[in-house]
């Protein structure tokens, strides 16, 4: 096991990746999981104590206190590999990470009454990390299945329907190292940060991020801008590669899609994720970026179709970022009446909404509307607004869209397997999914780009529904 601060912080070779996958032989990779756990503990320890390297003696000598039970009384109810994990980990100071408290090891078989236990005298399910109390009542946490050696993260008891029965929700149970890797990745890209004690956060920063203990959730980070731009550029290149060369629009590929002055005219906020992306992506040399959706090559037309960017917002509880119509329906007649579903997605509860059910909203792909100070916001998200309701399309967590929904296609659903509960799916993941649909031939490409009308998305209600599904992720 690691014995120096440098070894504890050198974590790259322990992270789960395509070239370094998680263990799939039905056992706990306790050494690897302990390394990932200890990295997170050391990271938080350095922030709390203002040091550049962890004091391993201080960490090693900190007693592991588990719930209200004696440590040895708990150990006898654990399988050998989980006990080995406990032997190797540092005790975490509260709170271990943005969503979870210290190590708790609370047994919870009573929450899984229909699952068979083949472990004789040992409980099958144990909560390794408890959800932080700030996130509400009925909290649960990272549940470890000692029989199948997989973990799930039902943050609250209400999330249990998303992870059980296990046979119906196997895609929501992961090797423990996969969950820990996702958390470390969010730290590495700067989506979650640990840099202030809560009472030391400047007021302007409090208004733009959600803080739990020393951990902060940012509505977006620069790394997300870069990865989203790269995803859009990859998708555009995939479309262009399938078009007749002579049909490509006579536009310089290296020219950004919009300038800042053009976005000013469309009332896109000066500092936001959407502006950062639109001024960095390469201009697509085609018209149709998805069935029935157009690339906005005309800046004036782009500005004129925005229905939400110049609506006054209530900023008393932090800055509100409005939804921007990124790719509008090619047929301007494909609109939908403003609904309650849109009202609660696109406006805050205190906003004076100047739209009613008789107002027509253009269909298309919108950026996510966020109040930056709120918990679990995702400014790098999107909402695909369709001019028809869906009934049976499925979301990432396997649940169906609400009957008649016009905004839930390609979304997470209720359950987020690595933490969180309400945020939008990321635009980066949508672009990667659409690229897969083009590369696999599900969507065809012609002289103008992706072929078909917006009605193609109705396929999400039929046998092809899995084509319109994004696999679970953070």
Protein backbone atom coordinates (compact mmCIF):
# COMPACT_ATOMS: atom_id res chain seq x y z
CA UNK A 1 0.00 0.00 0.00
CA UNK A 2 1.13 3.61 -0.56
CA UNK A 3 3.54 4.86 2.09
CA UNK A 4 4.50 8.41 1.04
CA UNK A 5 2.44 11.54 0.34
CA UNK A 6 3.60 11.47 -3.28
CA UNK A 7 2.32 7.92 -3.70
CA UNK A 8 -1.04 8.78 -2.13
CA UNK A 9 -1.52 11.71 -4.51
CA UNK A 10 -0.27 9.85 -7.61
CA UNK A 11 -3.61 8.33 -8.47
CA UNK A 12 -3.76 8.18 -12.27
CA UNK A 13 -2.98 4.47 -12.54
CA UNK A 14 -5.84 3.62 -10.15
CA UNK A 15 -8.55 5.55 -12.01
CA UNK A 16 -11.05 3.56 -14.04
CA UNK A 17 -10.76 4.15 -17.78
CA UNK A 18 -11.23 2.28 -21.05
CA UNK A 19 -7.60 1.16 -20.90
CA UNK A 20 -7.76 0.44 -17.17
CA UNK A 21 -11.28 -0.96 -16.58
CA UNK A 22 -12.92 -1.79 -13.28
CA UNK A 23 -12.81 -5.33 -11.98
CA UNK A 24 -15.63 -7.47 -13.37
CA UNK A 25 -14.90 -10.87 -11.80
CA UNK A 26 -17.47 -10.44 -9.02
CA UNK A 27 -15.02 -9.46 -6.28
CA UNK A 28 -14.01 -6.22 -4.56
CA UNK A 29 -10.75 -4.67 -5.73
CA UNK A 30 -10.16 -3.44 -2.19
CA UNK A 31 -6.59 -2.23 -2.74
CA UNK A 32 -7.56 -0.06 -5.68
CA UNK A 33 -10.68 1.26 -3.92
CA UNK A 34 -8.64 2.09 -0.82
CA UNK A 35 -6.19 4.10 -2.94
CA UNK A 36 -9.03 6.09 -4.51
CA UNK A 37 -10.67 6.64 -1.12
CA UNK A 38 -7.39 7.75 0.46
CA UNK A 39 -6.76 10.21 -2.36
CA UNK A 40 -10.10 11.92 -1.66
CA UNK A 41 -9.42 11.98 2.07
CA UNK A 42 -5.92 13.39 1.57
CA UNK A 43 -7.24 15.98 -0.88
CA UNK A 44 -9.82 17.24 1.60
CA UNK A 45 -7.31 17.09 4.45
CA UNK A 46 -4.86 19.36 2.60
CA UNK A 47 -7.59 21.91 1.88
CA UNK A 48 -8.85 21.95 5.47
CA UNK A 49 -5.37 22.34 6.93
CA UNK A 50 -3.87 24.57 4.27
CA UNK A 51 -1.04 22.22 3.37
CA UNK A 52 0.38 21.20 0.00
CA UNK A 53 0.96 17.58 1.00
CA UNK A 54 -0.96 15.38 3.44
CA UNK A 55 0.43 14.50 6.85
CA UNK A 56 0.20 10.72 6.61
CA UNK A 57 0.93 10.25 10.31
CA UNK A 58 -2.01 12.49 11.20
CA UNK A 59 -4.26 10.70 8.75
CA UNK A 60 -3.16 7.20 9.79
CA UNK A 61 -3.60 7.97 13.48
CA UNK A 62 -7.11 9.35 13.10
CA UNK A 63 -9.47 6.68 14.49
CA UNK A 64 -12.13 5.23 12.23
CA UNK A 65 -15.42 5.80 14.07
CA UNK A 66 -18.38 3.99 12.54
CA UNK A 67 -21.92 5.05 13.39
CA UNK A 68 -22.87 4.12 16.95
CA UNK A 69 -21.41 0.62 16.94
CA UNK A 70 -18.07 -0.80 17.97
CA UNK A 71 -15.70 -1.25 15.04
CA UNK A 72 -15.07 -4.91 15.83
CA UNK A 73 -18.79 -5.60 16.15
CA UNK A 74 -19.19 -4.27 12.62
CA UNK A 75 -16.18 -6.09 11.20
CA UNK A 76 -17.53 -9.55 12.04
CA UNK A 77 -20.56 -8.82 9.85
CA UNK A 78 -18.43 -7.89 6.84
CA UNK A 79 -17.04 -10.17 4.16
CA UNK A 80 -13.22 -10.49 4.10
CA UNK A 81 -12.61 -8.13 1.16
CA UNK A 82 -14.67 -5.33 2.73
CA UNK A 83 -12.74 -5.80 5.98
CA UNK A 84 -9.51 -5.53 3.99
CA UNK A 85 -10.79 -2.27 2.50
CA UNK A 86 -11.43 -0.93 6.01
CA UNK A 87 -7.93 -1.92 7.09
CA UNK A 88 -6.35 0.17 4.33
CA UNK A 89 -8.37 3.40 4.38
CA UNK A 90 -7.86 6.69 6.16
CA UNK A 91 -10.65 8.02 8.36
CA UNK A 92 -12.26 10.99 6.60
CA UNK A 93 -13.13 14.22 8.28
CA UNK A 94 -16.73 15.25 7.70
CA UNK A 95 -17.64 15.73 4.92
CA UNK A 96 -15.70 13.29 2.78
CA UNK A 97 -17.03 14.62 -0.53
CA UNK A 98 -19.70 16.93 -1.87
CA UNK A 99 -22.52 14.42 -1.50
CA UNK A 100 -21.28 12.09 1.24
CA UNK A 101 -20.32 12.12 4.89
CA UNK A 102 -17.62 10.07 6.57
CA UNK A 103 -17.34 6.28 6.35
CA UNK A 104 -20.37 4.87 8.18
CA UNK A 105 -20.70 1.11 7.44
CA UNK A 106 -24.36 0.98 8.41
CA UNK A 107 -26.18 -2.22 7.55
CA UNK A 108 -29.37 -1.77 5.58
CA UNK A 109 -30.79 -5.15 4.56
CA UNK A 110 -34.20 -3.95 5.71
CA UNK A 111 -34.23 -1.55 2.75
CA UNK A 112 -33.86 -4.47 0.33
CA UNK A 113 -36.45 -6.94 1.67
CA UNK A 114 -36.95 -8.79 -1.62
CA UNK A 115 -33.26 -9.52 -2.30
CA UNK A 116 -32.01 -12.98 -1.29
CA UNK A 117 -29.09 -13.12 1.14
CA UNK A 118 -26.68 -16.00 0.60
CA UNK A 119 -24.10 -14.78 3.13
CA UNK A 120 -25.37 -16.80 6.10
CA UNK A 121 -24.56 -14.78 9.24
CA UNK A 122 -23.66 -11.53 7.47
CA UNK A 123 -25.84 -8.73 6.18
CA UNK A 124 -25.79 -8.31 2.42
CA UNK A 125 -26.12 -4.54 2.09
CA UNK A 126 -24.03 -1.94 3.89
CA UNK A 127 -23.90 1.86 3.52
CA UNK A 128 -20.22 2.74 3.13
CA UNK A 129 -20.69 6.52 2.81
CA UNK A 130 -23.80 8.25 4.13
CA UNK A 131 -25.43 11.09 2.23
CA UNK A 132 -24.69 14.46 3.87
CA UNK A 133 -27.55 15.71 6.03
CA UNK A 134 -27.66 19.04 4.17
CA UNK A 135 -29.36 17.27 1.29
CA UNK A 136 -32.54 16.51 3.16
CA UNK A 137 -34.26 13.88 5.24
CA UNK A 138 -34.53 10.15 4.55
CA UNK A 139 -30.88 10.08 3.48
CA UNK A 140 -29.13 6.85 2.53
CA UNK A 141 -25.80 6.87 0.66
CA UNK A 142 -23.39 4.64 -1.23
CA UNK A 143 -24.76 1.13 -0.68
CA UNK A 144 -22.41 -1.81 -1.14
CA UNK A 145 -23.74 -5.27 -2.01
CA UNK A 146 -21.43 -7.73 -0.24
CA UNK A 147 -22.83 -10.60 -2.29
CA UNK A 148 -22.49 -9.22 -5.82
CA UNK A 149 -19.69 -6.78 -4.94
CA UNK A 150 -21.33 -3.84 -6.62
CA UNK A 151 -22.28 -0.41 -5.30
CA UNK A 152 -25.14 1.99 -5.95
CA UNK A 153 -25.75 5.53 -4.74
CA UNK A 154 -29.38 6.07 -3.70
CA UNK A 155 -28.94 9.43 -1.99
CA UNK A 156 -32.30 9.11 -0.25
CA UNK A 157 -34.77 6.35 0.54
CA UNK A 158 -36.95 7.75 -2.25
CA UNK A 159 -34.22 6.73 -4.74
CA UNK A 160 -34.45 3.05 -3.83
CA UNK A 161 -36.98 2.40 -6.58
CA UNK A 162 -34.23 3.30 -9.06
CA UNK A 163 -31.84 0.59 -7.83
CA UNK A 164 -34.08 -2.30 -6.81
CA UNK A 165 -34.96 -4.99 -7.53
CA UNK A 166 -31.35 -5.36 -8.58
CA UNK A 167 -32.19 -7.74 -11.40
CA UNK A 168 -34.19 -4.96 -13.07
CA UNK A 169 -31.64 -2.22 -12.37
CA UNK A 170 -28.27 -3.87 -12.91
CA UNK A 171 -27.04 -0.87 -14.92
CA UNK A 172 -27.29 1.27 -11.75
CA UNK A 173 -24.87 -0.92 -9.76
CA UNK A 174 -21.17 -0.37 -10.35
CA UNK A 175 -17.81 -1.53 -9.02
CA UNK A 176 -16.96 0.77 -6.11
CA UNK A 177 -13.86 2.00 -7.92
CA UNK A 178 -16.09 3.33 -10.73
CA UNK A 179 -18.03 5.58 -8.35
CA UNK A 180 -14.86 6.84 -6.66
CA UNK A 181 -13.23 7.49 -10.04
CA UNK A 182 -16.15 9.64 -11.16
CA UNK A 183 -15.80 11.76 -8.03
CA UNK A 184 -12.07 12.24 -8.54
CA UNK A 185 -12.65 13.08 -12.20
CA UNK A 186 -15.08 15.85 -11.20
CA UNK A 187 -12.35 17.25 -8.95
CA UNK A 188 -9.74 17.01 -11.68
CA UNK A 189 -11.78 18.97 -14.23
CA UNK A 190 -12.84 21.57 -11.64
CA UNK A 191 -16.58 20.77 -11.63
CA UNK A 192 -16.36 20.18 -7.89
CA UNK A 193 -13.82 22.18 -5.94
CA UNK A 194 -12.57 22.27 -2.37
CA UNK A 195 -10.97 25.59 -1.69
CA UNK A 196 -12.77 27.51 1.04
CA UNK A 197 -14.18 26.97 4.48
CA UNK A 198 -17.87 27.75 4.22
CA UNK A 199 -17.69 30.88 6.38
CA UNK A 200 -14.78 32.25 4.29
CA UNK A 201 -16.46 32.15 0.88
CA UNK A 202 -16.69 35.63 -0.70
CA UNK A 203 -20.27 36.81 -1.12
CA UNK A 204 -20.06 37.03 -4.91
CA UNK A 205 -18.81 33.45 -5.06
CA UNK A 206 -21.58 32.25 -2.77
CA UNK A 207 -24.04 33.53 -5.31
CA UNK A 208 -22.60 31.50 -8.16
CA UNK A 209 -22.05 28.05 -6.74
CA UNK A 210 -23.49 25.53 -4.30
CA UNK A 211 -21.41 24.88 -1.19
CA UNK A 212 -21.55 21.92 1.20
CA UNK A 213 -18.83 22.07 3.83
CA UNK A 214 -15.54 22.71 2.02
CA UNK A 215 -16.88 21.29 -1.24
CA UNK A 216 -18.41 23.41 -3.99
CA UNK A 217 -20.41 22.45 -7.07
CA UNK A 218 -19.91 24.85 -9.98
CA UNK A 219 -22.67 25.37 -12.57
CA UNK A 220 -19.96 24.80 -15.19
CA UNK A 221 -16.18 24.81 -15.43
CA UNK A 222 -13.72 25.74 -18.21
CA UNK A 223 -12.90 22.07 -18.83
CA UNK A 224 -16.57 21.47 -19.68
CA UNK A 225 -16.47 24.25 -22.26
CA UNK A 226 -13.43 22.65 -23.90
CA UNK A 227 -14.85 19.11 -23.89
CA UNK A 228 -18.22 20.28 -25.25
CA UNK A 229 -16.58 22.28 -28.03
CA UNK A 230 -14.52 19.19 -28.92
CA UNK A 231 -17.67 17.01 -28.94
CA UNK A 232 -19.54 19.41 -31.25
CA UNK A 233 -16.54 19.68 -33.58
CA UNK A 234 -16.24 15.86 -33.71
CA UNK A 235 -19.92 15.59 -34.55
CA UNK A 236 -19.70 18.24 -37.27
CA UNK A 237 -16.68 16.49 -38.78
CA UNK A 238 -18.58 13.18 -38.82
CA UNK A 239 -21.45 14.79 -40.75
CA UNK A 240 -19.18 16.60 -43.22
CA UNK A 241 -17.24 13.39 -43.90
CA UNK A 242 -20.49 11.78 -45.16
CA UNK A 243 -21.57 14.67 -47.39
CA UNK A 244 -20.67 15.12 -51.07
CA UNK A 245 -17.69 17.50 -50.98
CA UNK A 246 -19.34 19.88 -53.46
CA UNK A 247 -22.38 20.29 -51.17
CA UNK A 248 -20.38 21.71 -48.25
CA UNK A 249 -21.23 25.36 -47.61
CA UNK A 250 -18.53 27.83 -48.71
CA UNK A 251 -17.64 28.79 -45.13
CA UNK A 252 -14.28 28.70 -43.45
CA UNK A 253 -14.33 25.74 -41.08
CA UNK A 254 -12.04 27.58 -38.67
CA UNK A 255 -14.38 30.54 -38.25
CA UNK A 256 -16.22 30.46 -34.87
CA UNK A 257 -19.97 30.09 -35.21
CA UNK A 258 -20.67 33.45 -33.52
CA UNK A 259 -18.83 36.54 -32.45
CA UNK A 260 -19.37 38.18 -29.09
CA UNK A 261 -21.11 41.14 -30.71
CA UNK A 262 -23.57 38.81 -32.46
CA UNK A 263 -24.35 37.12 -29.15
CA UNK A 264 -24.78 40.54 -27.54
CA UNK A 265 -27.50 41.21 -30.11
CA UNK A 266 -29.21 37.97 -29.07
CA UNK A 267 -29.03 38.99 -25.36
CA UNK A 268 -26.89 35.97 -24.44
CA UNK A 269 -25.30 36.72 -21.02
CA UNK A 270 -21.72 37.99 -21.15
CA UNK A 271 -20.21 35.32 -18.91
CA UNK A 272 -21.86 31.94 -19.38
CA UNK A 273 -21.29 28.44 -20.70
CA UNK A 274 -23.34 28.95 -23.86
CA UNK A 275 -21.46 32.06 -24.99
CA UNK A 276 -18.14 30.35 -24.33
CA UNK A 277 -19.13 27.39 -26.51
CA UNK A 278 -20.75 29.32 -29.37
CA UNK A 279 -17.71 31.58 -29.77
CA UNK A 280 -15.31 28.60 -29.87
CA UNK A 281 -16.92 25.88 -31.96
CA UNK A 282 -15.96 25.68 -35.62
CA UNK A 283 -18.71 26.75 -38.00
CA UNK A 284 -20.41 23.64 -39.44
CA UNK A 285 -20.44 23.65 -43.26
CA UNK A 286 -23.95 22.23 -43.50
CA UNK A 287 -27.50 23.22 -42.62
CA UNK A 288 -29.05 20.26 -40.78
CA UNK A 289 -27.30 19.23 -37.56
CA UNK A 290 -30.02 16.75 -36.57
CA UNK A 291 -33.33 15.65 -38.09
CA UNK A 292 -35.31 18.84 -38.57
CA UNK A 293 -32.84 21.07 -36.67
CA UNK A 294 -30.74 23.77 -38.34
CA UNK A 295 -27.33 25.30 -37.70
CA UNK A 296 -27.82 29.05 -37.07
CA UNK A 297 -25.76 30.52 -39.92
CA UNK A 298 -27.72 33.81 -39.87
CA UNK A 299 -26.89 35.81 -36.73
CA UNK A 300 -29.88 38.13 -37.16
CA UNK A 301 -32.28 35.20 -37.48
CA UNK A 302 -30.66 33.55 -34.47
CA UNK A 303 -31.27 36.67 -32.38
CA UNK A 304 -34.86 37.09 -33.55
CA UNK A 305 -35.95 33.57 -32.57
CA UNK A 306 -34.78 33.88 -28.95
CA UNK A 307 -37.85 33.96 -26.69
CA UNK A 308 -36.17 33.81 -23.28
CA UNK A 309 -32.83 35.63 -23.30
CA UNK A 310 -34.13 39.17 -22.80
CA UNK A 311 -36.87 38.32 -20.28
CA UNK A 312 -36.20 40.10 -16.94
CA UNK A 313 -35.13 37.70 -14.19
CA UNK A 314 -35.10 37.83 -10.42
CA UNK A 315 -31.42 37.89 -9.38
CA UNK A 316 -31.96 38.41 -5.66
CA UNK A 317 -30.77 34.87 -4.91
CA UNK A 318 -27.99 34.69 -7.48
CA UNK A 319 -27.55 35.10 -11.20
CA UNK A 320 -30.07 33.43 -13.46
CA UNK A 321 -28.89 32.20 -16.85
CA UNK A 322 -31.69 31.98 -19.44
CA UNK A 323 -32.14 29.19 -22.01
CA UNK A 324 -30.73 29.94 -25.45
CA UNK A 325 -32.19 28.36 -28.58
CA UNK A 326 -29.07 26.79 -30.10
CA UNK A 327 -30.48 24.83 -33.04
CA UNK A 328 -34.01 25.78 -34.06
CA UNK A 329 -36.49 23.64 -36.00
CA UNK A 330 -35.90 24.06 -39.73
CA UNK A 331 -39.65 24.48 -40.19
CA UNK A 332 -40.53 27.68 -38.32
CA UNK A 333 -44.11 26.45 -38.03
CA UNK A 334 -43.01 23.65 -35.68
CA UNK A 335 -43.82 25.42 -32.43
CA UNK A 336 -45.49 24.52 -29.18
CA UNK A 337 -47.62 26.42 -26.74
CA UNK A 338 -45.86 27.59 -23.59
CA UNK A 339 -46.61 24.98 -20.92
CA UNK A 340 -46.15 24.51 -17.20
CA UNK A 341 -43.39 22.03 -18.04
CA UNK A 342 -41.46 24.83 -19.75
CA UNK A 343 -42.33 27.35 -17.05
CA UNK A 344 -40.63 25.31 -14.31
CA UNK A 345 -37.65 24.40 -16.46
CA UNK A 346 -36.95 27.81 -17.95
CA UNK A 347 -37.84 30.19 -15.11
CA UNK A 348 -37.19 30.55 -11.39
CA UNK A 349 -40.04 30.46 -8.86
CA UNK A 350 -39.75 34.23 -8.22
CA UNK A 351 -39.60 35.24 -11.89
CA UNK A 352 -42.48 37.25 -13.32
CA UNK A 353 -43.12 35.11 -16.39
CA UNK A 354 -44.48 37.18 -19.31
CA UNK A 355 -45.62 34.13 -21.26
CA UNK A 356 -48.85 32.18 -21.23
CA UNK A 357 -50.33 29.05 -22.72
CA UNK A 358 -51.24 30.86 -25.95
CA UNK A 359 -47.66 31.99 -26.62
CA UNK A 360 -45.88 29.89 -29.25
CA UNK A 361 -42.33 28.71 -28.53
CA UNK A 362 -39.99 27.54 -31.32
CA UNK A 363 -39.06 23.88 -31.18
CA UNK A 364 -35.39 23.01 -31.08
CA UNK A 365 -32.38 22.39 -28.87
CA UNK A 366 -32.03 24.86 -25.99
CA UNK A 367 -29.28 25.37 -23.47
CA UNK A 368 -30.22 24.74 -19.85
CA UNK A 369 -31.72 27.52 -17.74
CA UNK A 370 -30.08 27.73 -14.31
CA UNK A 371 -30.00 29.70 -11.09
CA UNK A 372 -26.30 29.44 -10.38
CA UNK A 373 -26.52 29.44 -6.62
CA UNK A 374 -28.82 26.43 -6.45
CA UNK A 375 -27.77 22.90 -5.59
CA UNK A 376 -27.01 20.54 -8.50
CA UNK A 377 -27.33 23.01 -11.38
CA UNK A 378 -25.83 22.13 -14.76
CA UNK A 379 -25.24 25.12 -16.99
CA UNK A 380 -23.53 22.80 -19.48
CA UNK A 381 -26.86 21.04 -19.93
CA UNK A 382 -29.56 21.14 -22.59
CA UNK A 383 -33.28 20.65 -23.20
CA UNK A 384 -34.58 19.34 -26.52
CA UNK A 385 -37.97 21.00 -26.95
CA UNK A 386 -40.14 18.96 -29.32
CA UNK A 387 -43.35 20.12 -31.02
CA UNK A 388 -45.09 16.94 -29.86
CA UNK A 389 -45.35 14.97 -26.64
CA UNK A 390 -43.68 11.61 -26.06
CA UNK A 391 -45.15 8.66 -24.18
CA UNK A 392 -42.71 5.75 -23.95
CA UNK A 393 -39.24 7.18 -24.57
CA UNK A 394 -36.74 6.15 -21.91
CA UNK A 395 -34.24 8.23 -19.99
CA UNK A 396 -30.78 7.35 -18.72
CA UNK A 397 -32.06 5.79 -15.49
CA UNK A 398 -34.38 3.48 -17.45
CA UNK A 399 -37.56 5.31 -16.49
CA UNK A 400 -40.02 6.53 -19.10
CA UNK A 401 -40.61 10.18 -19.83
CA UNK A 402 -43.68 11.65 -18.23
CA UNK A 403 -46.63 11.05 -20.53
CA UNK A 404 -46.88 13.94 -22.97
CA UNK A 405 -43.51 15.45 -22.06
CA UNK A 406 -41.93 17.72 -24.66
CA UNK A 407 -38.59 18.32 -22.90
CA UNK A 408 -37.38 15.03 -21.37
CA UNK A 409 -35.87 13.20 -24.34
CA UNK A 410 -32.19 12.28 -23.76
CA UNK A 411 -32.35 13.41 -20.12
CA UNK A 412 -31.03 11.69 -16.96
CA UNK A 413 -34.37 10.84 -15.42
CA UNK A 414 -34.93 10.88 -11.66
CA UNK A 415 -31.81 8.99 -10.62
CA UNK A 416 -28.20 10.13 -10.99
CA UNK A 417 -25.94 7.13 -10.23
CA UNK A 418 -22.89 9.10 -9.11
CA UNK A 419 -24.57 11.86 -7.11
CA UNK A 420 -27.15 14.60 -7.57
CA UNK A 421 -30.81 14.43 -8.38
CA UNK A 422 -32.19 17.21 -10.59
CA UNK A 423 -29.68 18.53 -13.09
CA UNK A 424 -29.93 18.41 -16.88
CA UNK A 425 -28.00 16.02 -19.09
CA UNK A 426 -24.78 17.53 -20.46
CA UNK A 427 -24.67 18.91 -24.00
CA UNK A 428 -21.35 17.13 -24.54
CA UNK A 429 -23.01 13.75 -24.06
CA UNK A 430 -25.84 14.62 -26.45
CA UNK A 431 -23.36 15.56 -29.19
CA UNK A 432 -21.49 12.29 -28.68
CA UNK A 433 -24.77 10.35 -28.85
CA UNK A 434 -25.88 12.12 -32.02
CA UNK A 435 -22.48 11.39 -33.57
CA UNK A 436 -22.97 7.70 -32.77
CA UNK A 437 -26.36 7.80 -34.50
CA UNK A 438 -24.74 9.24 -37.62
CA UNK A 439 -21.73 6.92 -37.56
CA UNK A 440 -23.94 3.84 -37.07
CA UNK A 441 -26.27 4.83 -39.91
CA UNK A 442 -29.36 5.26 -37.73
CA UNK A 443 -29.39 8.84 -38.99
CA UNK A 444 -28.50 9.31 -42.64
CA UNK A 445 -26.59 12.23 -44.13
CA UNK A 446 -27.36 13.97 -47.40
CA UNK A 447 -26.45 17.15 -49.25
CA UNK A 448 -27.70 19.46 -46.50
CA UNK A 449 -26.46 17.45 -43.53
CA UNK A 450 -28.52 15.08 -41.37
CA UNK A 451 -31.64 14.02 -43.21
CA UNK A 452 -35.23 13.88 -42.01
CA UNK A 453 -37.71 16.13 -40.27
CA UNK A 454 -38.04 16.74 -36.55
CA UNK A 455 -40.68 14.00 -36.54
CA UNK A 456 -37.78 11.54 -36.69
CA UNK A 457 -37.54 11.99 -32.91
CA UNK A 458 -40.89 10.22 -32.63
CA UNK A 459 -38.86 7.02 -33.08
CA UNK A 460 -37.98 7.40 -29.40
CA UNK A 461 -41.51 6.15 -28.62
CA UNK A 462 -41.11 2.99 -30.68
CA UNK A 463 -38.86 -0.03 -31.03
CA UNK A 464 -35.87 2.24 -31.69
CA UNK A 465 -36.18 3.92 -28.28
CA UNK A 466 -32.70 2.78 -27.20
CA UNK A 467 -31.24 4.86 -30.07
CA UNK A 468 -32.61 7.90 -28.22
CA UNK A 469 -31.15 6.96 -24.84
CA UNK A 470 -27.92 8.14 -23.22
CA UNK A 471 -26.24 5.65 -20.88
CA UNK A 472 -25.99 6.55 -17.16
CA UNK A 473 -23.16 8.89 -16.21
CA UNK A 474 -22.57 11.86 -13.97
